Amino acid sequence: MSTPARVSPLADVQSAHAARWTEIEHMRVVAAFSNEQANALNAVALGDLSHRPRTGVKGPGAAAALNAAGISTPTQPNRWCRSEGAFIARLGLTEYLIEADQSNDAVSRVLALPNAPDVYPVPHYDAALLVMGPKAVDLFRQTCSVDMATLDPNDGALVLTSVVGVGATVAALQTPAGIAYQVWLDGTYASYMWETLCEIAHDMGGGPIGFDALSRVGL
């Protein structure tokens, strides 16, 4: 039997509650949790998007290199946009995160960029969580000093902040199921954040949802 080439930073913490698994983008991910609440999306639901391919570049020439590869970039720091089926985040002045959400094409183009003296690759092994539902903002109010209600998914703002004491990048996204918040963090802290947020979400009437449920809401 073949083994997935990529391992989610959340694999260990999720294993005890996984009812079914699937493989997405060469990563084993939870299709459904045994403790999944049918109405989690009516309160607050946590999903795992760590399987999405992502990479990054930084340096004075990073934006020009991405643009030359046909990838649009945000015009301001701490903003995001979509281009070539990917999420493009500008982290600070000259660093960019590229994450595939509809197509791997942009990520492949970045990985194929030629060496240049002012463009530096930034490998990404992040955990990526999705928080959604009408109580999502309330969950962040318990765990983060930034009021996520101020983030407008239409202006492409993102924040670099701390969630349950862990450094994270958060963006508000418009989804078919309403506004959702994607959280990127260092994979070494992923288990702690997942457990903590799931515990809070359960107290609020929600909890984790697997890839099957995420797919049904168009993610």
N, C-alpha and C. Protein backbone atom coordinates (compact mmCIF):
# COMPACT_ATOMS: atom_id res chain seq x y z
N MET A 1 0.85 -1.19 0.00
CA MET A 1 0.00 0.00 0.00
C MET A 1 0.88 1.23 0.00
N SER A 2 0.55 2.20 -0.84
CA SER A 2 1.35 3.41 -0.91
C SER A 2 1.11 4.29 0.31
N THR A 3 2.12 5.06 0.68
CA THR A 3 2.03 5.96 1.83
C THR A 3 2.02 7.39 1.32
N PRO A 4 1.11 8.23 1.82
CA PRO A 4 1.11 9.63 1.40
C PRO A 4 2.48 10.26 1.61
N ALA A 5 2.89 11.10 0.67
CA ALA A 5 4.22 11.69 0.72
C ALA A 5 4.30 12.82 1.73
N ARG A 6 3.16 13.38 2.13
CA ARG A 6 3.15 14.52 3.04
C ARG A 6 2.35 14.16 4.29
N VAL A 7 2.81 14.65 5.43
CA VAL A 7 2.15 14.37 6.71
C VAL A 7 1.65 15.68 7.29
N SER A 8 0.39 15.72 7.66
CA SER A 8 -0.19 16.92 8.24
C SER A 8 0.40 17.17 9.62
N PRO A 9 0.68 18.42 9.97
CA PRO A 9 1.13 18.73 11.33
C PRO A 9 0.06 18.43 12.38
N LEU A 10 -1.19 18.17 11.93
CA LEU A 10 -2.28 17.86 12.85
C LEU A 10 -2.60 16.37 12.90
N ALA A 11 -1.84 15.56 12.21
CA ALA A 11 -2.17 14.13 12.10
C ALA A 11 -2.27 13.45 13.45
N ASP A 12 -1.32 13.69 14.34
CA ASP A 12 -1.32 12.99 15.63
C ASP A 12 -2.50 13.40 16.50
N VAL A 13 -2.75 14.70 16.59
CA VAL A 13 -3.81 15.16 17.49
C VAL A 13 -5.20 14.80 16.96
N GLN A 14 -5.33 14.65 15.65
CA GLN A 14 -6.64 14.34 15.07
C GLN A 14 -6.94 12.84 15.05
N SER A 15 -5.91 12.00 15.15
CA SER A 15 -6.09 10.56 14.96
C SER A 15 -7.10 9.95 15.91
N ALA A 16 -7.09 10.37 17.16
CA ALA A 16 -7.96 9.76 18.16
C ALA A 16 -9.44 10.01 17.87
N HIS A 17 -9.74 11.06 17.09
CA HIS A 17 -11.13 11.42 16.83
C HIS A 17 -11.54 11.23 15.37
N ALA A 18 -10.68 10.60 14.58
CA ALA A 18 -10.99 10.42 13.16
C ALA A 18 -11.88 9.21 12.94
N ALA A 19 -13.01 9.42 12.27
CA ALA A 19 -13.89 8.31 11.92
C ALA A 19 -13.52 7.74 10.55
N ARG A 20 -13.13 8.61 9.63
CA ARG A 20 -12.73 8.21 8.30
C ARG A 20 -11.62 9.12 7.80
N TRP A 21 -10.75 8.55 6.97
CA TRP A 21 -9.66 9.32 6.39
C TRP A 21 -9.79 9.36 4.87
N THR A 22 -9.15 10.33 4.27
CA THR A 22 -9.04 10.39 2.82
C THR A 22 -7.66 10.94 2.50
N GLU A 23 -7.31 10.94 1.23
CA GLU A 23 -6.02 11.50 0.82
C GLU A 23 -6.25 12.63 -0.17
N ILE A 24 -5.74 13.80 0.16
CA ILE A 24 -5.87 14.99 -0.67
C ILE A 24 -4.48 15.57 -0.87
N GLU A 25 -4.12 15.84 -2.10
CA GLU A 25 -2.82 16.44 -2.40
C GLU A 25 -1.68 15.67 -1.73
N HIS A 26 -1.78 14.34 -1.82
CA HIS A 26 -0.74 13.45 -1.29
C HIS A 26 -0.58 13.57 0.23
N MET A 27 -1.64 14.01 0.90
CA MET A 27 -1.62 14.09 2.36
C MET A 27 -2.83 13.37 2.91
N ARG A 28 -2.65 12.59 3.95
CA ARG A 28 -3.76 11.90 4.63
C ARG A 28 -4.47 12.90 5.52
N VAL A 29 -5.76 13.11 5.26
CA VAL A 29 -6.54 14.08 6.02
C VAL A 29 -7.82 13.41 6.53
N VAL A 30 -8.40 13.99 7.56
CA VAL A 30 -9.62 13.44 8.15
C VAL A 30 -10.81 13.80 7.27
N ALA A 31 -11.53 12.77 6.82
CA ALA A 31 -12.75 13.00 6.04
C ALA A 31 -13.92 13.33 6.95
N ALA A 32 -13.98 12.68 8.11
CA ALA A 32 -15.04 12.94 9.09
C ALA A 32 -14.54 12.58 10.48
N PHE A 33 -14.95 13.34 11.46
CA PHE A 33 -14.58 13.09 12.85
C PHE A 33 -15.68 12.31 13.55
N SER A 34 -15.30 11.46 14.49
CA SER A 34 -16.29 10.69 15.23
C SER A 34 -17.13 11.57 16.13
N ASN A 35 -16.57 12.71 16.56
CA ASN A 35 -17.31 13.63 17.44
C ASN A 35 -17.82 14.84 16.68
N GLU A 36 -17.98 14.69 15.37
CA GLU A 36 -18.42 15.81 14.54
C GLU A 36 -19.88 16.14 14.81
N GLN A 37 -20.15 17.41 15.05
CA GLN A 37 -21.50 17.86 15.33
C GLN A 37 -22.21 18.22 14.02
N ALA A 38 -23.39 17.67 13.81
CA ALA A 38 -24.12 17.94 12.57
C ALA A 38 -24.43 19.41 12.40
N ASN A 39 -24.59 20.12 13.51
CA ASN A 39 -24.95 21.55 13.43
C ASN A 39 -23.77 22.46 13.74
N ALA A 40 -22.54 21.95 13.62
CA ALA A 40 -21.37 22.76 13.97
C ALA A 40 -21.33 24.06 13.18
N LEU A 41 -21.73 23.99 11.92
CA LEU A 41 -21.70 25.20 11.08
C LEU A 41 -22.74 26.23 11.50
N ASN A 42 -23.69 25.83 12.33
CA ASN A 42 -24.66 26.78 12.86
C ASN A 42 -24.14 27.49 14.10
N ALA A 43 -22.98 27.06 14.58
CA ALA A 43 -22.35 27.69 15.74
C ALA A 43 -20.95 28.14 15.34
N VAL A 44 -19.95 27.27 15.53
CA VAL A 44 -18.60 27.56 15.07
C VAL A 44 -17.93 26.24 14.73
N ALA A 45 -17.38 26.16 13.54
CA ALA A 45 -16.76 24.93 13.05
C ALA A 45 -15.29 25.18 12.74
N LEU A 46 -14.47 24.16 13.02
CA LEU A 46 -13.04 24.22 12.72
C LEU A 46 -12.72 23.19 11.66
N GLY A 47 -12.07 23.63 10.60
CA GLY A 47 -11.63 22.74 9.54
C GLY A 47 -10.12 22.81 9.38
N ASP A 48 -9.57 21.81 8.73
CA ASP A 48 -8.13 21.71 8.52
C ASP A 48 -7.84 21.84 7.02
N LEU A 49 -7.07 22.84 6.65
CA LEU A 49 -6.68 23.06 5.26
C LEU A 49 -5.17 22.89 5.07
N SER A 50 -4.54 22.16 5.99
CA SER A 50 -3.08 22.03 5.94
C SER A 50 -2.60 21.29 4.69
N HIS A 51 -3.50 20.55 4.05
CA HIS A 51 -3.12 19.79 2.87
C HIS A 51 -2.85 20.66 1.65
N ARG A 52 -3.32 21.88 1.65
CA ARG A 52 -3.17 22.72 0.45
C ARG A 52 -1.69 23.01 0.16
N PRO A 53 -1.25 22.82 -1.07
CA PRO A 53 0.13 23.15 -1.42
C PRO A 53 0.39 24.63 -1.22
N ARG A 54 1.55 24.97 -0.68
CA ARG A 54 1.90 26.37 -0.48
C ARG A 54 3.41 26.52 -0.51
N THR A 55 3.83 27.71 -0.83
CA THR A 55 5.24 28.05 -0.82
C THR A 55 5.35 29.55 -0.65
N GLY A 56 6.55 30.09 -0.69
CA GLY A 56 6.71 31.52 -0.51
C GLY A 56 8.00 32.02 -1.11
N VAL A 57 8.07 33.33 -1.28
CA VAL A 57 9.29 34.00 -1.71
C VAL A 57 9.38 35.32 -0.96
N LYS A 58 10.60 35.82 -0.86
CA LYS A 58 10.78 37.14 -0.26
C LYS A 58 11.99 37.80 -0.89
N GLY A 59 12.10 39.09 -0.65
CA GLY A 59 13.24 39.84 -1.17
C GLY A 59 12.78 41.03 -2.01
N PRO A 60 13.69 41.96 -2.28
CA PRO A 60 13.33 43.17 -3.04
C PRO A 60 12.76 42.88 -4.43
N GLY A 61 13.13 41.75 -5.01
CA GLY A 61 12.65 41.44 -6.35
C GLY A 61 11.52 40.44 -6.38
N ALA A 62 10.96 40.10 -5.21
CA ALA A 62 9.95 39.05 -5.15
C ALA A 62 8.70 39.40 -5.93
N ALA A 63 8.18 40.60 -5.74
CA ALA A 63 6.95 40.99 -6.43
C ALA A 63 7.15 40.98 -7.94
N ALA A 64 8.28 41.51 -8.40
CA ALA A 64 8.54 41.55 -9.84
C ALA A 64 8.65 40.13 -10.41
N ALA A 65 9.27 39.22 -9.65
CA ALA A 65 9.41 37.85 -10.12
C ALA A 65 8.05 37.16 -10.21
N LEU A 66 7.20 37.39 -9.22
CA LEU A 66 5.86 36.80 -9.25
C LEU A 66 5.05 37.37 -10.40
N ASN A 67 5.11 38.67 -10.58
CA ASN A 67 4.36 39.31 -11.67
C ASN A 67 4.83 38.81 -13.02
N ALA A 68 6.15 38.60 -13.18
CA ALA A 68 6.70 38.09 -14.43
C ALA A 68 6.22 36.68 -14.71
N ALA A 69 5.89 35.94 -13.64
CA ALA A 69 5.38 34.58 -13.78
C ALA A 69 3.87 34.56 -13.97
N GLY A 70 3.27 35.76 -14.10
CA GLY A 70 1.83 35.85 -14.33
C GLY A 70 0.99 35.82 -13.08
N ILE A 71 1.62 36.04 -11.92
CA ILE A 71 0.91 35.99 -10.64
C ILE A 71 0.76 37.41 -10.10
N SER A 72 -0.47 37.84 -9.91
CA SER A 72 -0.72 39.16 -9.35
C SER A 72 -0.40 39.18 -7.86
N THR A 73 0.01 40.34 -7.36
CA THR A 73 0.36 40.48 -5.96
C THR A 73 -0.36 41.67 -5.34
N PRO A 74 -0.64 41.62 -4.03
CA PRO A 74 -1.28 42.77 -3.37
C PRO A 74 -0.40 44.01 -3.46
N THR A 75 -1.03 45.15 -3.60
CA THR A 75 -0.28 46.39 -3.73
C THR A 75 0.16 46.96 -2.39
N GLN A 76 -0.40 46.44 -1.29
CA GLN A 76 -0.06 46.93 0.04
C GLN A 76 0.37 45.77 0.94
N PRO A 77 1.21 46.06 1.94
CA PRO A 77 1.56 45.01 2.91
C PRO A 77 0.34 44.56 3.70
N ASN A 78 0.43 43.34 4.23
CA ASN A 78 -0.64 42.76 5.04
C ASN A 78 -1.98 42.76 4.32
N ARG A 79 -1.91 42.38 3.05
CA ARG A 79 -3.09 42.24 2.22
C ARG A 79 -2.99 40.93 1.45
N TRP A 80 -4.12 40.47 0.94
CA TRP A 80 -4.11 39.27 0.12
C TRP A 80 -4.98 39.49 -1.11
N CYS A 81 -4.75 38.67 -2.11
CA CYS A 81 -5.57 38.67 -3.31
C CYS A 81 -5.57 37.25 -3.86
N ARG A 82 -6.40 37.01 -4.86
CA ARG A 82 -6.40 35.71 -5.54
C ARG A 82 -5.87 35.89 -6.96
N SER A 83 -5.07 34.93 -7.39
CA SER A 83 -4.50 34.98 -8.72
C SER A 83 -4.16 33.57 -9.17
N GLU A 84 -4.54 33.21 -10.38
CA GLU A 84 -4.20 31.91 -10.97
C GLU A 84 -4.62 30.75 -10.07
N GLY A 85 -5.82 30.86 -9.49
CA GLY A 85 -6.34 29.79 -8.66
C GLY A 85 -5.65 29.64 -7.33
N ALA A 86 -5.01 30.70 -6.86
CA ALA A 86 -4.26 30.63 -5.60
C ALA A 86 -4.52 31.85 -4.74
N PHE A 87 -4.25 31.68 -3.46
CA PHE A 87 -4.33 32.76 -2.47
C PHE A 87 -2.93 33.35 -2.37
N ILE A 88 -2.80 34.64 -2.60
CA ILE A 88 -1.51 35.33 -2.56
C ILE A 88 -1.53 36.32 -1.40
N ALA A 89 -0.71 36.11 -0.41
CA ALA A 89 -0.66 37.00 0.75
C ALA A 89 0.67 37.75 0.75
N ARG A 90 0.59 39.05 0.98
CA ARG A 90 1.79 39.86 1.15
C ARG A 90 2.02 40.06 2.64
N LEU A 91 3.05 39.44 3.17
CA LEU A 91 3.35 39.46 4.60
C LEU A 91 4.45 40.49 4.83
N GLY A 92 4.09 41.66 5.28
CA GLY A 92 5.08 42.72 5.41
C GLY A 92 5.38 43.34 4.06
N LEU A 93 6.61 43.84 3.89
CA LEU A 93 6.93 44.60 2.69
C LEU A 93 7.27 43.72 1.49
N THR A 94 8.11 42.71 1.69
CA THR A 94 8.65 41.98 0.53
C THR A 94 8.54 40.47 0.64
N GLU A 95 7.66 39.96 1.50
CA GLU A 95 7.50 38.50 1.63
C GLU A 95 6.10 38.11 1.18
N TYR A 96 6.01 36.99 0.45
CA TYR A 96 4.74 36.55 -0.13
C TYR A 96 4.51 35.07 0.16
N LEU A 97 3.29 34.76 0.54
CA LEU A 97 2.82 33.38 0.70
C LEU A 97 1.90 33.07 -0.46
N ILE A 98 2.13 31.93 -1.10
CA ILE A 98 1.29 31.49 -2.22
C ILE A 98 0.71 30.14 -1.85
N GLU A 99 -0.62 30.06 -1.78
CA GLU A 99 -1.30 28.83 -1.40
C GLU A 99 -2.35 28.47 -2.44
N ALA A 100 -2.29 27.25 -2.94
CA ALA A 100 -3.27 26.78 -3.92
C ALA A 100 -4.61 26.57 -3.24
N ASP A 101 -5.68 27.14 -3.81
CA ASP A 101 -7.01 26.82 -3.30
C ASP A 101 -7.92 26.27 -4.40
N GLN A 102 -7.62 26.57 -5.65
CA GLN A 102 -8.38 26.00 -6.76
C GLN A 102 -7.48 25.30 -7.78
N SER A 103 -6.22 25.70 -7.81
CA SER A 103 -5.28 25.14 -8.78
C SER A 103 -3.88 25.20 -8.19
N ASN A 104 -3.05 24.22 -8.56
CA ASN A 104 -1.66 24.20 -8.10
C ASN A 104 -0.74 24.99 -9.02
N ASP A 105 -1.29 25.60 -10.06
CA ASP A 105 -0.47 26.21 -11.09
C ASP A 105 0.44 27.30 -10.54
N ALA A 106 -0.11 28.19 -9.73
CA ALA A 106 0.70 29.30 -9.21
C ALA A 106 1.83 28.79 -8.32
N VAL A 107 1.54 27.81 -7.48
CA VAL A 107 2.58 27.24 -6.62
C VAL A 107 3.68 26.62 -7.47
N SER A 108 3.30 25.90 -8.52
CA SER A 108 4.29 25.30 -9.41
C SER A 108 5.16 26.36 -10.09
N ARG A 109 4.54 27.47 -10.48
CA ARG A 109 5.30 28.55 -11.11
C ARG A 109 6.32 29.15 -10.15
N VAL A 110 5.91 29.32 -8.90
CA VAL A 110 6.83 29.90 -7.91
C VAL A 110 7.99 28.94 -7.66
N LEU A 111 7.69 27.66 -7.53
CA LEU A 111 8.76 26.69 -7.29
C LEU A 111 9.73 26.60 -8.46
N ALA A 112 9.26 27.00 -9.65
CA ALA A 112 10.11 26.94 -10.85
C ALA A 112 10.82 28.26 -11.14
N LEU A 113 10.67 29.26 -10.27
CA LEU A 113 11.32 30.54 -10.52
C LEU A 113 12.84 30.37 -10.60
N PRO A 114 13.50 31.03 -11.55
CA PRO A 114 14.96 30.92 -11.64
C PRO A 114 15.62 31.63 -10.47
N ASN A 115 16.82 31.21 -10.15
CA ASN A 115 17.58 31.86 -9.09
C ASN A 115 17.85 33.32 -9.45
N ALA A 116 17.67 34.19 -8.48
CA ALA A 116 17.93 35.61 -8.68
C ALA A 116 18.52 36.18 -7.40
N PRO A 117 19.40 37.17 -7.50
CA PRO A 117 20.08 37.67 -6.30
C PRO A 117 19.17 38.38 -5.31
N ASP A 118 18.00 38.83 -5.75
CA ASP A 118 17.12 39.57 -4.84
C ASP A 118 15.78 38.87 -4.62
N VAL A 119 15.74 37.57 -4.88
CA VAL A 119 14.54 36.76 -4.66
C VAL A 119 14.95 35.49 -3.92
N TYR A 120 14.33 35.24 -2.77
CA TYR A 120 14.73 34.11 -1.95
C TYR A 120 13.53 33.21 -1.67
N PRO A 121 13.70 31.89 -1.86
CA PRO A 121 12.58 30.99 -1.57
C PRO A 121 12.31 30.89 -0.07
N VAL A 122 11.04 30.74 0.28
CA VAL A 122 10.64 30.57 1.68
C VAL A 122 9.76 29.31 1.75
N PRO A 123 10.32 28.16 2.12
CA PRO A 123 9.50 26.96 2.24
C PRO A 123 8.45 27.15 3.33
N HIS A 124 7.28 26.56 3.12
CA HIS A 124 6.19 26.67 4.09
C HIS A 124 5.70 25.28 4.49
N TYR A 125 5.74 25.01 5.79
CA TYR A 125 5.22 23.76 6.34
C TYR A 125 4.16 24.09 7.39
N ASP A 126 3.39 25.14 7.09
CA ASP A 126 2.40 25.64 8.04
C ASP A 126 1.27 24.64 8.27
N ALA A 127 0.63 24.80 9.42
CA ALA A 127 -0.72 24.28 9.59
C ALA A 127 -1.66 25.39 9.16
N ALA A 128 -2.76 25.01 8.54
CA ALA A 128 -3.74 26.00 8.10
C ALA A 128 -5.12 25.57 8.59
N LEU A 129 -5.74 26.39 9.42
CA LEU A 129 -7.05 26.09 9.99
C LEU A 129 -8.09 27.03 9.40
N LEU A 130 -9.32 26.57 9.38
CA LEU A 130 -10.43 27.41 8.96
C LEU A 130 -11.43 27.48 10.10
N VAL A 131 -11.84 28.68 10.46
CA VAL A 131 -12.83 28.88 11.52
C VAL A 131 -14.02 29.58 10.89
N MET A 132 -15.20 28.98 11.01
CA MET A 132 -16.37 29.56 10.35
C MET A 132 -17.62 29.29 11.17
N GLY A 133 -18.67 30.04 10.85
CA GLY A 133 -19.93 29.92 11.58
C GLY A 133 -20.26 31.23 12.27
N PRO A 134 -21.52 31.41 12.68
CA PRO A 134 -21.94 32.68 13.27
C PRO A 134 -21.26 33.02 14.59
N LYS A 135 -20.65 32.03 15.27
CA LYS A 135 -19.96 32.31 16.52
C LYS A 135 -18.44 32.36 16.36
N ALA A 136 -17.96 32.39 15.11
CA ALA A 136 -16.52 32.41 14.88
C ALA A 136 -15.86 33.63 15.52
N VAL A 137 -16.48 34.79 15.34
CA VAL A 137 -15.91 36.01 15.92
C VAL A 137 -15.85 35.92 17.44
N ASP A 138 -16.88 35.31 18.04
CA ASP A 138 -16.89 35.16 19.49
C ASP A 138 -15.75 34.24 19.95
N LEU A 139 -15.45 33.20 19.17
CA LEU A 139 -14.33 32.32 19.52
C LEU A 139 -13.03 33.11 19.52
N PHE A 140 -12.83 33.96 18.51
CA PHE A 140 -11.61 34.76 18.47
C PHE A 140 -11.57 35.78 19.60
N ARG A 141 -12.72 36.29 20.00
CA ARG A 141 -12.72 37.26 21.10
C ARG A 141 -12.26 36.62 22.40
N GLN A 142 -12.37 35.30 22.50
CA GLN A 142 -11.89 34.59 23.69
C GLN A 142 -10.41 34.22 23.58
N THR A 143 -9.85 34.29 22.38
CA THR A 143 -8.51 33.73 22.17
C THR A 143 -7.52 34.69 21.54
N CYS A 144 -7.96 35.88 21.14
CA CYS A 144 -7.11 36.78 20.36
C CYS A 144 -7.48 38.22 20.70
N SER A 145 -6.48 39.11 20.67
CA SER A 145 -6.73 40.51 21.01
C SER A 145 -7.30 41.31 19.85
N VAL A 146 -7.27 40.76 18.63
CA VAL A 146 -7.80 41.45 17.47
C VAL A 146 -9.28 41.11 17.30
N ASP A 147 -10.10 42.12 17.09
CA ASP A 147 -11.52 41.89 16.83
C ASP A 147 -11.68 41.52 15.37
N MET A 148 -11.91 40.24 15.09
CA MET A 148 -11.99 39.78 13.72
C MET A 148 -13.20 40.35 12.97
N ALA A 149 -14.16 40.88 13.71
CA ALA A 149 -15.31 41.49 13.05
C ALA A 149 -14.90 42.71 12.24
N THR A 150 -13.71 43.26 12.52
CA THR A 150 -13.25 44.43 11.78
C THR A 150 -12.59 44.04 10.45
N LEU A 151 -12.33 42.77 10.24
CA LEU A 151 -11.72 42.33 8.99
C LEU A 151 -12.79 42.17 7.92
N ASP A 152 -12.64 42.88 6.83
CA ASP A 152 -13.58 42.82 5.72
C ASP A 152 -13.02 41.90 4.65
N PRO A 153 -13.71 40.80 4.33
CA PRO A 153 -13.18 39.88 3.31
C PRO A 153 -13.10 40.51 1.93
N ASN A 154 -13.76 41.63 1.73
CA ASN A 154 -13.77 42.27 0.42
C ASN A 154 -12.60 43.22 0.20
N ASP A 155 -11.87 43.60 1.27
CA ASP A 155 -10.74 44.51 1.06
C ASP A 155 -9.39 43.81 1.17
N GLY A 156 -9.42 42.49 1.38
CA GLY A 156 -8.18 41.72 1.35
C GLY A 156 -7.26 41.95 2.52
N ALA A 157 -7.79 42.37 3.66
CA ALA A 157 -6.93 42.61 4.82
C ALA A 157 -6.59 41.30 5.52
N LEU A 158 -5.41 41.23 6.08
CA LEU A 158 -5.05 40.13 6.96
C LEU A 158 -4.27 40.70 8.13
N VAL A 159 -4.20 39.93 9.21
CA VAL A 159 -3.51 40.40 10.41
C VAL A 159 -2.51 39.36 10.87
N LEU A 160 -1.39 39.84 11.36
CA LEU A 160 -0.41 39.00 12.03
C LEU A 160 -0.61 39.22 13.51
N THR A 161 -1.03 38.17 14.21
CA THR A 161 -1.46 38.34 15.59
C THR A 161 -1.09 37.11 16.40
N SER A 162 -1.70 36.97 17.56
CA SER A 162 -1.51 35.82 18.43
C SER A 162 -2.87 35.21 18.73
N VAL A 163 -2.99 33.91 18.56
CA VAL A 163 -4.22 33.18 18.87
C VAL A 163 -3.86 32.10 19.89
N VAL A 164 -4.54 32.10 21.03
CA VAL A 164 -4.21 31.25 22.19
C VAL A 164 -2.70 31.28 22.47
N GLY A 165 -2.10 32.45 22.34
CA GLY A 165 -0.69 32.64 22.66
C GLY A 165 0.28 32.20 21.59
N VAL A 166 -0.22 31.82 20.43
CA VAL A 166 0.62 31.34 19.32
C VAL A 166 0.57 32.34 18.18
N GLY A 167 1.72 32.71 17.66
CA GLY A 167 1.76 33.62 16.54
C GLY A 167 1.06 33.05 15.32
N ALA A 168 0.23 33.84 14.67
CA ALA A 168 -0.56 33.35 13.55
C ALA A 168 -0.88 34.49 12.60
N THR A 169 -1.14 34.12 11.36
CA THR A 169 -1.65 35.04 10.35
C THR A 169 -3.11 34.68 10.10
N VAL A 170 -3.99 35.68 10.10
CA VAL A 170 -5.43 35.43 9.95
C VAL A 170 -5.97 36.32 8.84
N ALA A 171 -6.77 35.70 7.96
CA ALA A 171 -7.44 36.44 6.88
C ALA A 171 -8.92 36.10 6.90
N ALA A 172 -9.74 37.10 6.62
CA ALA A 172 -11.18 36.88 6.48
C ALA A 172 -11.48 36.58 5.02
N LEU A 173 -12.25 35.52 4.78
CA LEU A 173 -12.56 35.08 3.43
C LEU A 173 -14.07 34.98 3.25
N GLN A 174 -14.54 35.34 2.07
CA GLN A 174 -15.95 35.16 1.75
C GLN A 174 -16.12 33.78 1.14
N THR A 175 -16.95 32.94 1.74
CA THR A 175 -17.17 31.59 1.25
C THR A 175 -18.65 31.40 0.95
N PRO A 176 -19.02 30.32 0.24
CA PRO A 176 -20.44 30.05 -0.01
C PRO A 176 -21.26 29.92 1.27
N ALA A 177 -20.61 29.59 2.38
CA ALA A 177 -21.31 29.43 3.65
C ALA A 177 -21.22 30.67 4.53
N GLY A 178 -20.67 31.76 3.99
CA GLY A 178 -20.53 32.99 4.77
C GLY A 178 -19.07 33.31 5.02
N ILE A 179 -18.82 34.28 5.89
CA ILE A 179 -17.45 34.69 6.18
C ILE A 179 -16.76 33.62 7.01
N ALA A 180 -15.53 33.29 6.60
CA ALA A 180 -14.71 32.34 7.34
C ALA A 180 -13.35 32.98 7.58
N TYR A 181 -12.63 32.44 8.53
CA TYR A 181 -11.32 32.99 8.89
C TYR A 181 -10.28 31.88 8.74
N GLN A 182 -9.30 32.12 7.88
CA GLN A 182 -8.23 31.15 7.75
C GLN A 182 -7.06 31.57 8.60
N VAL A 183 -6.49 30.60 9.28
CA VAL A 183 -5.40 30.84 10.22
C VAL A 183 -4.19 30.01 9.80
N TRP A 184 -3.07 30.66 9.61
CA TRP A 184 -1.82 29.97 9.32
C TRP A 184 -0.90 30.08 10.52
N LEU A 185 -0.23 28.99 10.88
CA LEU A 185 0.68 29.02 12.01
C LEU A 185 1.77 27.99 11.83
N ASP A 186 2.84 28.14 12.59
CA ASP A 186 3.93 27.17 12.60
C ASP A 186 3.37 25.80 12.98
N GLY A 187 3.70 24.80 12.16
CA GLY A 187 3.15 23.47 12.39
C GLY A 187 3.51 22.86 13.73
N THR A 188 4.61 23.30 14.36
CA THR A 188 4.99 22.73 15.64
C THR A 188 4.03 23.10 16.76
N TYR A 189 3.24 24.15 16.56
CA TYR A 189 2.26 24.56 17.57
C TYR A 189 0.83 24.15 17.19
N ALA A 190 0.70 23.43 16.10
CA ALA A 190 -0.63 23.16 15.55
C ALA A 190 -1.48 22.31 16.47
N SER A 191 -0.90 21.28 17.08
CA SER A 191 -1.69 20.39 17.93
C SER A 191 -2.28 21.14 19.11
N TYR A 192 -1.46 21.99 19.74
CA TYR A 192 -1.94 22.78 20.87
C TYR A 192 -3.08 23.69 20.46
N MET A 193 -2.92 24.41 19.32
CA MET A 193 -3.97 25.32 18.92
C MET A 193 -5.24 24.56 18.55
N TRP A 194 -5.10 23.46 17.82
CA TRP A 194 -6.28 22.67 17.42
C TRP A 194 -7.05 22.19 18.65
N GLU A 195 -6.36 21.60 19.61
CA GLU A 195 -7.04 21.09 20.81
C GLU A 195 -7.72 22.22 21.57
N THR A 196 -7.03 23.35 21.71
CA THR A 196 -7.58 24.46 22.48
C THR A 196 -8.81 25.04 21.80
N LEU A 197 -8.72 25.28 20.49
CA LEU A 197 -9.86 25.86 19.78
C LEU A 197 -11.03 24.88 19.71
N CYS A 198 -10.74 23.59 19.55
CA CYS A 198 -11.83 22.61 19.51
C CYS A 198 -12.56 22.56 20.85
N GLU A 199 -11.82 22.65 21.94
CA GLU A 199 -12.45 22.64 23.27
C GLU A 199 -13.37 23.85 23.44
N ILE A 200 -12.89 25.01 23.03
CA ILE A 200 -13.72 26.22 23.13
C ILE A 200 -14.93 26.10 22.20
N ALA A 201 -14.71 25.61 20.98
CA ALA A 201 -15.80 25.47 20.03
C ALA A 201 -16.88 24.52 20.54
N HIS A 202 -16.47 23.42 21.18
CA HIS A 202 -17.45 22.48 21.76
C HIS A 202 -18.30 23.18 22.81
N ASP A 203 -17.67 24.01 23.63
CA ASP A 203 -18.41 24.74 24.65
C ASP A 203 -19.42 25.71 24.04
N MET A 204 -19.17 26.10 22.79
CA MET A 204 -20.06 27.04 22.11
C MET A 204 -21.08 26.34 21.21
N GLY A 205 -21.09 25.01 21.26
CA GLY A 205 -22.06 24.25 20.46
C GLY A 205 -21.55 23.81 19.11
N GLY A 206 -20.25 23.97 18.87
CA GLY A 206 -19.67 23.58 17.58
C GLY A 206 -18.58 22.55 17.75
N GLY A 207 -17.57 22.62 16.87
CA GLY A 207 -16.48 21.67 16.94
C GLY A 207 -15.84 21.45 15.59
N PRO A 208 -14.98 20.43 15.48
CA PRO A 208 -14.27 20.18 14.22
C PRO A 208 -15.16 19.56 13.16
N ILE A 209 -14.85 19.85 11.92
CA ILE A 209 -15.51 19.20 10.79
C ILE A 209 -14.43 18.69 9.84
N GLY A 210 -14.70 17.55 9.20
CA GLY A 210 -13.72 16.95 8.31
C GLY A 210 -13.83 17.47 6.89
N PHE A 211 -13.01 16.88 6.02
CA PHE A 211 -12.93 17.35 4.64
C PHE A 211 -14.25 17.17 3.90
N ASP A 212 -15.02 16.12 4.23
CA ASP A 212 -16.30 15.91 3.56
C ASP A 212 -17.22 17.10 3.80
N ALA A 213 -17.30 17.56 5.04
CA ALA A 213 -18.17 18.70 5.36
C ALA A 213 -17.65 19.98 4.74
N LEU A 214 -16.34 20.16 4.71
CA LEU A 214 -15.77 21.33 4.07
C LEU A 214 -16.11 21.34 2.58
N SER A 215 -16.06 20.18 1.97
CA SER A 215 -16.38 20.09 0.54
C SER A 215 -17.83 20.47 0.26
N ARG A 216 -18.71 20.09 1.17
CA ARG A 216 -20.12 20.37 0.95
C ARG A 216 -20.44 21.86 1.02
N VAL A 217 -19.61 22.62 1.71
CA VAL A 217 -19.84 24.08 1.78
C VAL A 217 -19.00 24.83 0.76
N GLY A 218 -18.37 24.09 -0.15
CA GLY A 218 -17.67 24.71 -1.26
C GLY A 218 -16.23 25.08 -0.99
N LEU A 219 -15.59 24.38 -0.04
CA LEU A 219 -14.17 24.68 0.27
C LEU A 219 -13.30 23.49 -0.06
